[in-house]
Protein backbone atom coordinates (compact mmCIF):
# COMPACT_ATOMS: atom_id res chain seq x y z
CA UNK A 1 -11.35 14.01 9.19
CA UNK A 2 -11.18 17.32 10.64
CA UNK A 3 -8.78 19.83 8.60
CA UNK A 4 -5.57 18.99 10.80
CA UNK A 5 -6.01 15.20 10.48
CA UNK A 6 -6.32 15.88 6.91
CA UNK A 7 -3.17 18.82 6.82
CA UNK A 8 -1.42 16.22 7.87
CA UNK A 9 -2.24 13.02 5.97
CA UNK A 10 -1.04 15.52 2.38
CA UNK A 11 2.16 16.06 4.41
CA UNK A 12 2.57 12.19 4.86
CA UNK A 13 1.33 11.30 1.15
CA UNK A 14 3.69 14.14 0.20
CA UNK A 15 6.74 12.29 2.39
CA UNK A 16 6.06 9.20 0.96
CA UNK A 17 6.15 10.07 -2.52
CA UNK A 18 9.65 11.97 -2.22
CA UNK A 19 10.82 9.10 -0.58
CA UNK A 20 9.51 6.47 -3.35
CA UNK A 21 11.39 8.98 -5.31
CA UNK A 22 14.59 8.68 -3.48
CA UNK A 23 14.48 5.16 -3.54
CA UNK A 24 14.21 4.85 -7.03
CA UNK A 25 17.49 6.92 -7.38
CA UNK A 26 18.91 3.61 -5.21
CA UNK A 27 19.76 1.64 -8.05
CA UNK A 28 21.09 -1.53 -9.24
CA UNK A 29 21.26 -2.07 -13.13
CA UNK A 30 20.78 -5.94 -13.84
CA UNK A 31 19.09 -5.86 -17.07
CA UNK A 32 16.39 -3.86 -17.94
CA UNK A 33 14.71 -4.52 -14.73
CA UNK A 34 17.08 -2.56 -11.77
CA UNK A 35 16.55 -3.45 -8.04
CA UNK A 36 15.45 -0.72 -6.33
CA UNK A 37 14.34 0.76 -2.82
CA UNK A 38 11.09 2.12 -4.45
CA UNK A 39 9.09 -0.26 -3.83
CA UNK A 40 10.10 -0.90 -0.36
CA UNK A 41 8.95 2.62 0.01
CA UNK A 42 5.81 2.04 -1.75
CA UNK A 43 4.51 -0.73 0.75
CA UNK A 44 5.31 1.47 3.74
CA UNK A 45 3.04 3.98 2.39
CA UNK A 46 0.12 1.04 2.06
CA UNK A 47 0.80 0.16 5.63
CA UNK A 48 1.43 3.59 7.55
CA UNK A 49 -1.11 5.54 5.30
CA UNK A 50 -4.19 2.98 4.40
CA UNK A 51 -5.11 2.31 0.93
CA UNK A 52 -6.78 5.72 -0.13
CA UNK A 53 -3.94 7.99 1.12
CA UNK A 54 -1.39 5.75 0.20
CA UNK A 55 -3.02 5.65 -3.49
CA UNK A 56 -2.58 8.72 -3.69
CA UNK A 57 0.41 9.23 -2.64
CA UNK A 58 1.54 6.91 -5.64
CA UNK A 59 -0.46 8.08 -8.14
CA UNK A 60 1.38 11.71 -7.26
CA UNK A 61 4.53 9.72 -7.62
CA UNK A 62 3.55 8.38 -10.50
CA UNK A 63 2.05 12.03 -11.94
CA UNK A 64 5.17 13.97 -11.31
CA UNK A 65 7.47 11.24 -13.14
CA UNK A 66 5.32 11.47 -15.84
CA UNK A 67 6.13 15.35 -16.34
CA UNK A 68 9.68 14.48 -16.68
CA UNK A 69 10.93 14.93 -13.14
CA UNK A 70 13.52 12.02 -12.79
CA UNK A 71 12.20 10.44 -10.37
CA UNK A 72 12.38 7.18 -11.78
CA UNK A 73 14.85 4.22 -11.28
CA UNK A 74 18.33 5.76 -12.34
CA UNK A 75 17.51 9.47 -12.20
CA UNK A 76 14.61 8.65 -15.09
CA UNK A 77 11.34 10.28 -15.79
CA UNK A 78 9.26 11.01 -18.79
CA UNK A 79 5.77 9.03 -20.35
CA UNK A 80 8.34 7.19 -22.24
CA UNK A 81 9.25 5.18 -19.00
CA UNK A 82 5.58 4.55 -18.41
CA UNK A 83 5.25 3.11 -21.43
CA UNK A 84 8.56 1.42 -21.71
CA UNK A 85 9.40 -2.42 -20.59
CA UNK A 86 9.72 -1.28 -16.77
CA UNK A 87 6.05 0.42 -17.03
CA UNK A 88 4.53 -2.17 -15.82
CA UNK A 89 5.72 -2.28 -11.99
CA UNK A 90 5.38 1.17 -12.03
CA UNK A 91 1.67 1.53 -13.20
CA UNK A 92 1.33 -2.20 -10.72
CA UNK A 93 2.24 0.09 -7.29
CA UNK A 94 -1.07 1.40 -7.78
CA UNK A 95 -3.32 -1.62 -7.21
CA UNK A 96 -0.34 -3.20 -5.58
CA UNK A 97 -0.40 -0.22 -2.83
CA UNK A 98 -3.58 -0.38 -2.06
CA UNK A 99 -3.78 -3.73 -1.04
CA UNK A 100 -1.26 -3.40 0.92
CA UNK A 101 -2.97 -0.57 2.50
CA UNK A 102 -6.60 -2.51 2.92
CA UNK A 103 -5.47 -5.51 3.93
CA UNK A 104 -3.38 -3.56 7.00
CA UNK A 105 -6.89 -1.30 7.45
CA UNK A 106 -9.07 -4.24 8.00
CA UNK A 107 -6.52 -6.48 10.22
CA UNK A 108 -5.21 -3.38 12.47
CA UNK A 109 -2.56 -3.52 11.75
CA UNK A 110 -0.70 -6.15 13.00
CA UNK A 111 2.50 -6.99 12.17
CA UNK A 112 1.69 -10.74 10.94
CA UNK A 113 -0.76 -8.87 8.13
CA UNK A 114 1.25 -6.63 7.39
CA UNK A 115 3.82 -9.21 6.03
CA UNK A 116 1.03 -11.07 4.40
CA UNK A 117 -0.05 -7.65 3.32
CA UNK A 118 2.48 -7.03 1.34
CA UNK A 119 3.22 -9.97 -0.17
CA UNK A 120 -0.09 -10.30 -1.65
CA UNK A 121 0.67 -6.78 -2.65
CA UNK A 122 4.44 -8.28 -5.01
CA UNK A 123 2.09 -11.03 -6.38
CA UNK A 124 -0.23 -8.26 -7.74
CA UNK A 125 3.31 -5.84 -8.59
CA UNK A 126 4.97 -9.24 -10.75
CA UNK A 127 1.84 -10.10 -11.87
CA UNK A 128 1.33 -6.20 -13.77
CA UNK A 129 5.65 -5.90 -14.62
CA UNK A 130 5.86 -9.67 -16.31
CA UNK A 131 3.01 -9.63 -17.88
CA UNK A 132 3.56 -5.85 -19.40
CA UNK A 133 7.40 -6.74 -20.00
CA UNK A 134 6.66 -10.01 -22.06
CA UNK A 135 4.18 -7.69 -24.20
CA UNK A 136 6.64 -5.46 -24.96
CA UNK A 137 9.89 -7.54 -25.43
CA UNK A 138 7.91 -10.40 -27.12
CA UNK A 139 10.74 -13.21 -24.30
CA UNK A 140 9.62 -16.31 -23.72
CA UNK A 141 7.65 -16.65 -20.08
CA UNK A 142 10.73 -18.62 -18.95
CA UNK A 143 12.84 -15.62 -20.09
CA UNK A 144 11.20 -12.99 -18.92
CA UNK A 145 9.92 -14.23 -15.49
CA UNK A 146 14.38 -14.47 -15.52
CA UNK A 147 15.02 -11.39 -16.16
CA UNK A 148 11.67 -9.26 -14.64
CA UNK A 149 11.57 -11.76 -11.20
CA UNK A 150 13.45 -14.36 -10.22
CA UNK A 151 16.69 -11.93 -9.37
CA UNK A 152 14.42 -9.85 -7.21
CA UNK A 153 12.78 -12.45 -4.40
CA UNK A 154 15.76 -12.59 -1.97
CA UNK A 155 15.71 -8.43 -1.95
CA UNK A 156 12.19 -8.60 -2.20
CA UNK A 157 11.70 -11.02 1.28
CA UNK A 158 14.66 -8.45 2.74
CA UNK A 159 12.71 -5.37 2.12
CA UNK A 160 9.72 -6.58 3.43
CA UNK A 161 11.51 -7.47 6.43
CA UNK A 162 12.26 -4.36 6.96
CA UNK A 163 9.33 -2.67 5.98
CA UNK A 164 7.04 -4.38 8.56
CA UNK A 165 9.61 -3.46 11.60
CA UNK A 166 9.48 0.07 9.74
CA UNK A 167 5.98 0.36 9.99
CA UNK A 168 6.24 -1.36 13.65
CA UNK A 169 8.27 1.43 14.89
CA UNK A 170 6.66 4.18 13.11
CA UNK A 171 3.16 4.28 13.58
CA UNK A 172 2.70 4.80 17.25
CA UNK A 173 5.23 8.33 15.71
CA UNK A 174 3.31 9.73 13.26
CA UNK A 175 -0.12 8.56 15.02
CA UNK A 176 -2.41 8.30 11.96
CA UNK A 177 -5.94 9.06 12.25
CA UNK A 178 -7.91 5.70 12.35
CA UNK A 179 -10.77 5.88 11.68
CA UNK A 180 -14.21 4.34 13.32
CA UNK A 181 -17.79 4.18 12.91
CA UNK A 182 -19.52 6.25 16.13
CA UNK A 183 -20.61 5.09 18.97
CA UNK A 184 -24.38 4.09 19.14
CA UNK A 185 -26.53 4.14 22.23
CA UNK A 186 -27.33 0.47 23.77
CA UNK A 187 -30.71 0.34 24.99
CA UNK A 188 -32.27 -2.13 27.20
CA UNK A 189 -34.69 -4.49 25.29
CA UNK A 190 -37.36 -6.69 27.19
CA UNK A 191 -38.94 -9.57 25.67
CA UNK A 192 -42.76 -9.75 25.16
CA UNK A 193 -42.83 -12.03 28.07
CA UNK A 194 -40.62 -9.82 30.51
CA UNK A 195 -42.85 -6.73 29.40
CA UNK A 196 -46.42 -8.86 30.24
CA UNK A 197 -44.99 -9.54 32.90
CA UNK A 198 -43.64 -6.68 34.56
CA UNK A 199 -47.57 -5.41 34.19
CA UNK A 200 -48.78 -7.83 35.61
CA UNK A 201 -47.12 -7.69 38.99
CA UNK A 202 -47.71 -3.99 38.50
CA UNK A 203 -51.01 -5.19 38.59
CA UNK A 204 -50.96 -7.11 41.63
CA UNK A 205 -50.07 -4.11 43.65
């Protein structure tokens, strides 16, 4: 990647990290885990930036939050949010966004596969978040799922649909570099039979 493209990717990654922080402010508290737009921007990072740059964007977001900036849900910040009841969801953004970006890259950014990628990312996110929530609170699995997953599924479906449409609209505009293998030279090869036949035809002339 040349310097110009790298600078563009840094700008996009920073912008998505800022949007994640903004999405965290749009929170509806319904229990230990609030409803936020944060994860929609996490998924958008995966769809638009690819696995590596999206992972970097989320890592920057988590780092500035852990350092105390109020970028987590409800305008909170600090390492306490990472190790608190909702910390599993925050840490789960890392593997989730990588999976979303990886699948989207391999599927050549087709909208159907984008949706599948985000569903896979959501599964990973809940696996991390719900497990951590149960571990810290000591609730039963049924209670943990009731407060930490079930209320959010319809909203997540809507956010996945919105992210897929937004990504489809933005890709032609932001023109994220696509990495392709260098073109290889194709040479014409002949079989041994063809080679011998050519030699015989030349000797008969």
